[in-house]
N, C-alpha and C. Protein backbone atom coordinates (compact mmCIF):
# COMPACT_ATOMS: atom_id res chain seq x y z
N MET A 1 -28.52 3.05 34.03
CA MET A 1 -29.11 4.52 32.96
C MET A 1 -30.64 3.98 32.64
N GLN A 2 -30.86 5.30 32.58
CA GLN A 2 -32.24 6.16 32.99
C GLN A 2 -32.98 5.46 30.87
N LEU A 3 -34.27 4.83 30.46
CA LEU A 3 -35.15 4.99 29.65
C LEU A 3 -35.72 6.56 29.42
N ASN A 4 -35.33 6.95 28.60
CA ASN A 4 -36.08 8.16 28.36
C ASN A 4 -37.12 8.83 27.70
N ALA A 5 -38.68 7.72 28.26
CA ALA A 5 -39.77 7.81 27.75
C ALA A 5 -40.50 8.93 27.40
N GLN A 6 -40.32 9.74 28.32
CA GLN A 6 -40.73 11.22 28.39
C GLN A 6 -40.62 12.22 27.04
N ARG A 7 -39.29 12.39 26.80
CA ARG A 7 -39.04 13.18 25.68
C ARG A 7 -38.66 12.77 24.64
N MET A 8 -38.70 11.30 24.10
CA MET A 8 -38.00 10.44 23.00
C MET A 8 -39.04 9.32 22.75
N MET A 9 -40.39 9.09 23.53
CA MET A 9 -41.30 7.98 23.01
C MET A 9 -42.34 9.03 22.65
N THR A 10 -43.14 9.13 21.37
CA THR A 10 -44.08 9.66 20.90
C THR A 10 -45.19 8.97 20.54
N ASN A 11 -44.90 6.97 20.45
CA ASN A 11 -45.99 6.44 20.19
C ASN A 11 -45.23 5.22 20.67
N PRO A 12 -46.59 3.96 21.40
CA PRO A 12 -46.53 3.04 22.33
C PRO A 12 -45.57 2.00 21.62
N ILE A 13 -45.00 1.31 22.11
CA ILE A 13 -44.14 0.19 21.31
C ILE A 13 -44.97 -1.35 21.57
N ARG A 14 -45.54 -1.67 20.96
CA ARG A 14 -46.06 -3.14 20.87
C ARG A 14 -44.76 -4.28 20.14
N CYS A 15 -45.12 -5.46 21.05
CA CYS A 15 -44.02 -6.57 20.99
C CYS A 15 -45.29 -7.69 21.48
N SER A 16 -44.58 -9.16 20.67
CA SER A 16 -45.28 -10.14 21.30
C SER A 16 -44.10 -11.37 21.74
N GLY A 17 -44.36 -11.91 22.70
CA GLY A 17 -43.05 -13.32 23.11
C GLY A 17 -43.98 -14.63 22.80
N ARG A 18 -43.35 -15.71 22.90
CA ARG A 18 -43.96 -16.63 22.55
C ARG A 18 -43.38 -18.31 23.34
N ALA A 19 -44.04 -18.62 23.57
CA ALA A 19 -43.48 -19.63 24.71
C ALA A 19 -44.56 -21.06 24.11
N SER A 20 -44.14 -21.99 24.89
CA SER A 20 -44.58 -23.60 25.11
C SER A 20 -44.18 -23.98 26.27
N ASP A 21 -44.66 -24.63 26.77
CA ASP A 21 -44.57 -25.46 28.29
C ASP A 21 -44.68 -26.87 27.77
N GLY A 22 -43.78 -26.98 26.99
CA GLY A 22 -44.18 -29.16 26.63
C GLY A 22 -42.56 -28.94 25.96
N ARG A 23 -41.90 -30.14 26.90
CA ARG A 23 -40.23 -30.75 26.62
C ARG A 23 -40.06 -31.07 24.50
N ASN A 24 -41.05 -31.51 23.91
CA ASN A 24 -40.93 -31.53 22.60
C ASN A 24 -41.70 -30.64 21.51
N SER A 25 -41.94 -29.22 22.26
CA SER A 25 -42.87 -28.95 21.68
C SER A 25 -42.20 -27.32 21.10
N ASN A 26 -42.07 -27.75 19.57
CA ASN A 26 -41.86 -26.45 18.80
C ASN A 26 -42.87 -25.32 18.72
N SER A 27 -44.48 -25.77 18.61
CA SER A 27 -45.35 -24.62 18.27
C SER A 27 -45.82 -23.99 19.60
N PRO A 28 -45.58 -23.15 19.85
CA PRO A 28 -46.32 -22.02 20.66
C PRO A 28 -47.30 -21.61 21.07
N PHE A 29 -47.97 -22.43 22.91
CA PHE A 29 -49.02 -22.56 23.56
C PHE A 29 -49.42 -21.33 23.56
N ALA A 30 -48.60 -20.28 24.07
CA ALA A 30 -49.04 -19.24 24.66
C ALA A 30 -48.15 -18.13 23.71
N ILE A 31 -49.16 -17.16 23.11
CA ILE A 31 -48.39 -15.95 22.80
C ILE A 31 -49.22 -14.72 23.61
N VAL A 32 -48.20 -13.75 23.93
CA VAL A 32 -48.79 -12.64 24.42
C VAL A 32 -48.68 -10.90 23.70
N TYR A 33 -49.08 -9.90 23.61
CA TYR A 33 -48.96 -8.99 23.47
C TYR A 33 -48.85 -7.84 24.07
N VAL A 34 -47.96 -7.52 24.09
CA VAL A 34 -47.57 -6.45 25.04
C VAL A 34 -47.35 -4.89 24.53
N GLU A 35 -47.66 -4.08 25.11
CA GLU A 35 -46.96 -2.62 25.07
C GLU A 35 -46.84 -1.66 25.90
N VAL A 36 -45.42 -1.36 25.93
CA VAL A 36 -44.82 -0.17 26.24
C VAL A 36 -45.23 1.29 25.88
N ALA A 37 -45.27 2.09 26.63
CA ALA A 37 -45.46 3.46 26.31
C ALA A 37 -45.13 4.53 27.57
N ALA A 38 -45.54 5.54 27.01
CA ALA A 38 -44.44 6.60 28.22
C ALA A 38 -45.77 6.82 29.08
N ALA A 39 -45.72 6.68 30.45
CA ALA A 39 -46.80 7.27 31.41
C ALA A 39 -47.43 8.55 31.56
N ALA A 40 -48.26 8.81 31.90
CA ALA A 40 -48.84 10.83 31.90
C ALA A 40 -47.95 11.42 32.96
N ASP A 41 -47.07 10.53 34.40
CA ASP A 41 -45.94 11.53 34.83
C ASP A 41 -44.93 10.77 34.52
N PRO A 42 -44.18 11.28 34.07
CA PRO A 42 -42.61 11.13 33.99
C PRO A 42 -41.84 10.37 35.49
N ALA A 43 -42.36 11.07 36.50
CA ALA A 43 -42.07 10.67 37.74
C ALA A 43 -42.30 9.15 38.29
N SER A 44 -43.52 9.03 37.42
CA SER A 44 -43.88 7.52 38.03
C SER A 44 -43.51 6.07 38.38
N GLU A 45 -43.53 5.60 39.07
CA GLU A 45 -42.86 4.09 39.19
C GLU A 45 -43.58 3.48 37.99
N PHE A 46 -42.91 2.36 37.09
CA PHE A 46 -43.40 1.57 36.61
C PHE A 46 -44.73 0.72 36.56
N THR A 47 -45.53 0.85 35.51
CA THR A 47 -47.10 0.20 36.30
C THR A 47 -47.39 -0.63 34.70
N ILE A 48 -48.32 -1.86 35.06
CA ILE A 48 -48.51 -2.20 34.10
C ILE A 48 -50.22 -2.58 34.74
N ASP A 49 -50.67 -2.81 33.55
CA ASP A 49 -52.07 -2.60 33.21
C ASP A 49 -52.96 -3.54 32.61
N TYR A 50 -52.86 -4.72 33.27
CA TYR A 50 -53.79 -6.11 32.80
C TYR A 50 -55.33 -6.39 32.57
N ASP A 51 -55.88 -5.32 32.61
CA ASP A 51 -57.50 -5.53 33.02
C ASP A 51 -57.77 -5.58 31.58
N GLU A 52 -58.35 -6.92 32.16
CA GLU A 52 -59.29 -8.06 30.57
C GLU A 52 -58.92 -7.32 29.40
N PRO A 53 -57.51 -8.03 28.96
CA PRO A 53 -56.94 -8.13 28.21
C PRO A 53 -57.93 -9.07 27.15
N GLU A 54 -57.61 -9.17 25.64
CA GLU A 54 -58.41 -9.81 24.72
C GLU A 54 -57.77 -10.84 24.97
N CYS A 55 -58.71 -12.39 24.79
CA CYS A 55 -58.08 -13.51 25.14
C CYS A 55 -58.64 -14.49 23.78
N VAL A 56 -58.08 -15.04 22.90
CA VAL A 56 -58.32 -15.57 21.93
C VAL A 56 -57.74 -16.75 20.97
N ASP A 57 -58.73 -18.03 21.00
CA ASP A 57 -57.45 -19.20 20.64
C ASP A 57 -56.87 -18.91 19.14
N GLN A 58 -56.52 -20.33 18.87
CA GLN A 58 -55.52 -19.86 17.80
C GLN A 58 -56.49 -19.88 16.32
N ALA A 59 -57.45 -19.79 16.20
CA ALA A 59 -58.90 -19.97 15.19
C ALA A 59 -58.66 -18.10 15.58
N GLY A 60 -58.55 -17.69 16.57
CA GLY A 60 -58.89 -15.93 16.59
C GLY A 60 -60.38 -15.84 17.35
N ALA A 61 -60.84 -16.99 17.66
CA ALA A 61 -62.51 -17.18 19.03
C ALA A 61 -61.99 -16.51 19.93
N LYS A 62 -63.31 -15.87 20.37
CA LYS A 62 -62.39 -15.72 21.61
C LYS A 62 -62.42 -16.82 22.24
N TYR A 63 -61.93 -17.32 23.75
CA TYR A 63 -61.24 -18.10 24.14
C TYR A 63 -62.46 -18.34 25.28
N ALA A 64 -62.99 -19.60 25.49
CA ALA A 64 -64.02 -19.60 26.02
C ALA A 64 -64.08 -20.00 27.33
N ASN A 65 -62.81 -20.82 28.04
CA ASN A 65 -63.00 -21.12 29.47
C ASN A 65 -62.13 -19.87 30.53
N GLU A 66 -62.88 -18.89 30.80
CA GLU A 66 -63.12 -17.94 31.56
C GLU A 66 -62.49 -18.00 33.48
N GLU A 67 -61.89 -19.73 33.50
CA GLU A 67 -61.19 -19.89 34.76
C GLU A 67 -60.01 -19.91 34.19
N GLU A 68 -59.72 -20.52 32.96
CA GLU A 68 -58.24 -20.35 32.30
C GLU A 68 -57.58 -19.41 32.29
N VAL A 69 -58.60 -18.26 31.85
CA VAL A 69 -58.27 -16.88 31.17
C VAL A 69 -57.66 -15.88 32.35
N GLY A 70 -58.19 -16.43 33.20
CA GLY A 70 -57.30 -15.98 34.68
C GLY A 70 -56.58 -15.94 34.78
N TYR A 71 -56.21 -17.43 34.96
CA TYR A 71 -54.80 -17.90 35.18
C TYR A 71 -54.03 -17.35 33.77
N PHE A 72 -54.40 -17.41 32.83
CA PHE A 72 -53.49 -17.36 31.62
C PHE A 72 -52.87 -15.43 31.89
N VAL A 73 -53.96 -14.60 32.07
CA VAL A 73 -53.88 -12.85 32.64
C VAL A 73 -52.91 -13.10 33.72
N SER A 74 -52.87 -13.78 34.82
CA SER A 74 -52.14 -14.09 36.55
C SER A 74 -50.62 -14.28 35.73
N GLY A 75 -50.68 -15.50 34.82
CA GLY A 75 -49.16 -15.52 34.38
C GLY A 75 -48.15 -14.92 33.39
N ALA A 76 -49.50 -13.92 32.83
CA ALA A 76 -48.71 -12.70 31.88
C ALA A 76 -48.25 -12.08 32.71
N ALA A 77 -48.93 -11.29 33.83
CA ALA A 77 -48.69 -10.22 34.45
C ALA A 77 -47.75 -10.26 35.05
N ARG A 78 -47.48 -11.42 35.48
CA ARG A 78 -46.16 -11.66 36.92
C ARG A 78 -44.79 -11.93 35.67
N GLY A 79 -45.24 -11.98 34.71
CA GLY A 79 -43.50 -12.29 33.23
C GLY A 79 -43.74 -10.89 33.20
N VAL A 80 -44.95 -9.63 32.85
CA VAL A 80 -44.31 -8.19 32.27
C VAL A 80 -43.86 -8.32 34.02
N LYS A 81 -44.06 -8.02 35.07
CA LYS A 81 -43.43 -7.81 36.55
C LYS A 81 -41.93 -8.57 36.66
N ASP A 82 -41.69 -9.64 35.94
CA ASP A 82 -40.43 -9.81 36.60
C ASP A 82 -39.40 -9.48 35.44
N ALA A 83 -40.05 -9.52 34.16
CA ALA A 83 -39.14 -9.01 33.13
C ALA A 83 -38.97 -7.24 33.52
N ALA A 84 -39.39 -6.35 34.29
CA ALA A 84 -39.34 -5.37 34.70
C ALA A 84 -38.11 -4.89 35.55
N GLU A 85 -38.47 -6.24 37.03
CA GLU A 85 -37.44 -6.38 37.84
C GLU A 85 -36.33 -6.85 37.16
N HIS A 86 -36.01 -7.74 36.15
CA HIS A 86 -35.11 -7.24 35.66
C HIS A 86 -34.03 -6.68 35.60
N TYR A 87 -34.56 -5.66 34.45
CA TYR A 87 -34.00 -4.53 34.10
C TYR A 87 -34.05 -3.88 35.33
N GLU A 88 -34.36 -4.07 36.61
CA GLU A 88 -34.17 -2.54 37.50
C GLU A 88 -32.75 -3.28 37.98
N ALA A 89 -32.73 -4.39 38.05
CA ALA A 89 -31.75 -5.25 39.07
C ALA A 89 -30.55 -4.91 38.07
N LEU A 90 -30.61 -4.37 36.71
CA LEU A 90 -29.57 -4.54 36.02
C LEU A 90 -29.12 -2.75 36.10
N GLY A 91 -30.13 -2.05 36.44
CA GLY A 91 -29.66 -0.64 37.02
C GLY A 91 -30.59 0.57 35.87
N VAL A 92 -31.97 -0.73 35.40
CA VAL A 92 -31.88 0.40 34.13
C VAL A 92 -33.36 0.59 35.30
N SER A 93 -33.25 2.28 35.20
CA SER A 93 -34.36 2.64 35.42
C SER A 93 -35.66 2.71 34.38
N LEU A 94 -36.77 1.97 34.88
CA LEU A 94 -37.86 2.17 34.26
C LEU A 94 -39.22 3.47 34.68
N ARG A 95 -38.96 4.39 35.54
CA ARG A 95 -39.82 5.68 35.69
C ARG A 95 -39.69 5.98 35.00
N GLY A 96 -41.32 6.25 34.66
CA GLY A 96 -41.92 6.92 33.73
C GLY A 96 -42.83 6.04 32.41
N LEU A 97 -42.56 4.84 32.56
CA LEU A 97 -43.10 3.81 31.80
C LEU A 97 -44.18 3.04 32.27
N HIS A 98 -45.64 2.83 31.41
CA HIS A 98 -46.14 1.71 31.62
C HIS A 98 -46.82 0.80 30.47
N ALA A 99 -47.05 -0.13 31.01
CA ALA A 99 -47.02 -1.36 30.28
C ALA A 99 -48.37 -2.32 30.26
N ARG A 100 -48.76 -2.85 29.38
CA ARG A 100 -49.97 -3.22 29.17
C ARG A 100 -50.41 -3.85 27.85
N ILE A 101 -50.59 -5.40 28.58
CA ILE A 101 -51.50 -6.27 28.52
C ILE A 101 -52.34 -6.23 27.35
N VAL A 102 -52.00 -6.00 26.11
CA VAL A 102 -52.85 -6.16 25.04
C VAL A 102 -53.76 -7.67 24.73
N LYS A 103 -53.30 -8.75 24.52
CA LYS A 103 -53.48 -9.96 23.78
C LYS A 103 -53.10 -10.82 23.98
N LEU A 104 -53.59 -12.35 24.70
CA LEU A 104 -53.18 -13.33 24.70
C LEU A 104 -53.86 -14.02 23.45
N VAL A 105 -53.26 -15.08 23.28
CA VAL A 105 -53.56 -15.95 22.06
C VAL A 105 -53.34 -17.75 22.66
N ALA A 106 -54.16 -17.84 22.54
CA ALA A 106 -53.89 -19.37 23.54
C ALA A 106 -54.36 -20.92 22.93
N HIS A 107 -53.76 -22.18 22.73
CA HIS A 107 -53.94 -22.74 22.39
C HIS A 107 -54.85 -23.70 23.59
N GLN A 108 -56.12 -24.23 22.59
CA GLN A 108 -57.49 -24.37 23.26
C GLN A 108 -57.06 -25.91 24.25
N VAL A 109 -55.84 -26.49 24.20
CA VAL A 109 -55.39 -28.09 24.81
C VAL A 109 -54.27 -27.65 25.77
N ASP A 110 -53.11 -27.09 25.05
CA ASP A 110 -52.19 -27.02 25.80
C ASP A 110 -51.54 -25.67 26.68
N SER A 111 -52.05 -24.63 26.69
CA SER A 111 -51.87 -23.72 27.26
C SER A 111 -51.68 -23.74 28.62
N THR A 112 -50.42 -23.15 28.97
CA THR A 112 -50.68 -23.23 30.60
C THR A 112 -50.29 -21.70 31.41
N GLU A 113 -50.20 -21.51 32.56
CA GLU A 113 -50.14 -20.23 32.99
C GLU A 113 -48.40 -20.00 33.26
N ARG A 114 -47.78 -20.99 33.01
CA ARG A 114 -46.53 -20.65 32.75
C ARG A 114 -46.08 -20.88 31.21
N ALA A 115 -46.06 -20.60 30.33
CA ALA A 115 -45.98 -20.25 29.15
C ALA A 115 -46.23 -18.87 29.07
N PHE A 116 -47.19 -18.60 29.86
CA PHE A 116 -47.98 -17.08 29.51
C PHE A 116 -46.72 -15.97 29.90
N TRP A 117 -46.60 -16.86 31.08
CA TRP A 117 -45.71 -15.69 31.69
C TRP A 117 -44.01 -15.89 31.36
N SER A 118 -43.90 -16.97 30.66
CA SER A 118 -42.41 -17.05 29.91
C SER A 118 -43.01 -16.04 28.63
N ALA A 119 -43.99 -15.96 27.77
CA ALA A 119 -44.15 -14.93 26.41
C ALA A 119 -44.15 -13.79 27.09
N ALA A 120 -44.93 -13.87 28.49
CA ALA A 120 -44.92 -11.85 28.46
C ALA A 120 -43.48 -11.40 29.17
N LYS A 121 -42.62 -12.34 29.46
CA LYS A 121 -41.35 -11.98 30.04
C LYS A 121 -40.72 -11.54 28.03
N HIS A 122 -40.48 -12.29 27.37
CA HIS A 122 -40.11 -12.54 26.52
C HIS A 122 -40.63 -11.00 25.39
N ALA A 123 -42.04 -10.42 25.34
CA ALA A 123 -42.61 -9.67 24.86
C ALA A 123 -42.30 -8.05 25.42
N THR A 124 -42.19 -8.42 27.15
CA THR A 124 -42.11 -7.05 27.42
C THR A 124 -40.37 -6.97 27.28
N ALA A 125 -39.24 -7.62 27.04
CA ALA A 125 -37.77 -7.53 27.21
C ALA A 125 -37.99 -7.06 25.79
N ALA A 126 -38.48 -7.64 24.59
CA ALA A 126 -38.29 -7.22 23.36
C ALA A 126 -39.11 -5.48 23.85
N CYS A 127 -39.69 -5.24 24.13
CA CYS A 127 -40.37 -3.42 24.20
C CYS A 127 -39.48 -3.02 24.81
N LEU A 128 -39.02 -3.24 25.90
CA LEU A 128 -37.68 -2.66 26.50
C LEU A 128 -36.61 -2.44 25.88
N VAL A 129 -36.19 -3.02 25.41
CA VAL A 129 -35.06 -2.58 24.67
C VAL A 129 -35.36 -1.83 23.54
N ASN A 130 -36.34 -1.11 22.53
CA ASN A 130 -36.64 -1.22 22.07
C ASN A 130 -37.26 0.66 22.62
N VAL A 131 -36.56 1.32 23.69
CA VAL A 131 -37.46 2.32 24.48
C VAL A 131 -35.70 3.15 24.61
N PRO A 132 -36.55 4.73 23.82
CA PRO A 132 -35.02 5.01 23.67
C PRO A 132 -33.88 5.60 25.49
N ARG A 133 -33.40 5.66 25.29
CA ARG A 133 -32.18 5.48 26.28
C ARG A 133 -31.93 7.41 26.74
N SER A 134 -31.73 7.98 28.29
CA SER A 134 -31.08 9.22 27.96
C SER A 134 -29.60 8.96 28.24
N ARG A 135 -28.86 9.77 27.70
CA ARG A 135 -27.28 10.00 27.43
C ARG A 135 -26.82 10.64 28.59
């Protein structure tokens, strides 16, 4: 199946994913906002942009620990990549699509790289489900 981004996608699709990394936790410790759009070149491979997404805490203030932000971004980038690989393994072509990690929301104490990986996978899958398909 081919996703038909170039002809049918006029606006980016933005979705969020939430995850926690605790066994007994119901509140999200990681929220990731991902945007999927048509790439400039319809024949290009699927690309991911994760260069300096906004990272805030639950109160909306800039997340203070830059080292942790690096881990969170790394986890989120792997999550987007893993979601894309899953779709491609199912036979869905992602050519001509571009994903961008827009924003991360982190819990000051409990956020982990793994939670951001999981949240980004969910956000990317939600976006890809909404991309128009070729017939």
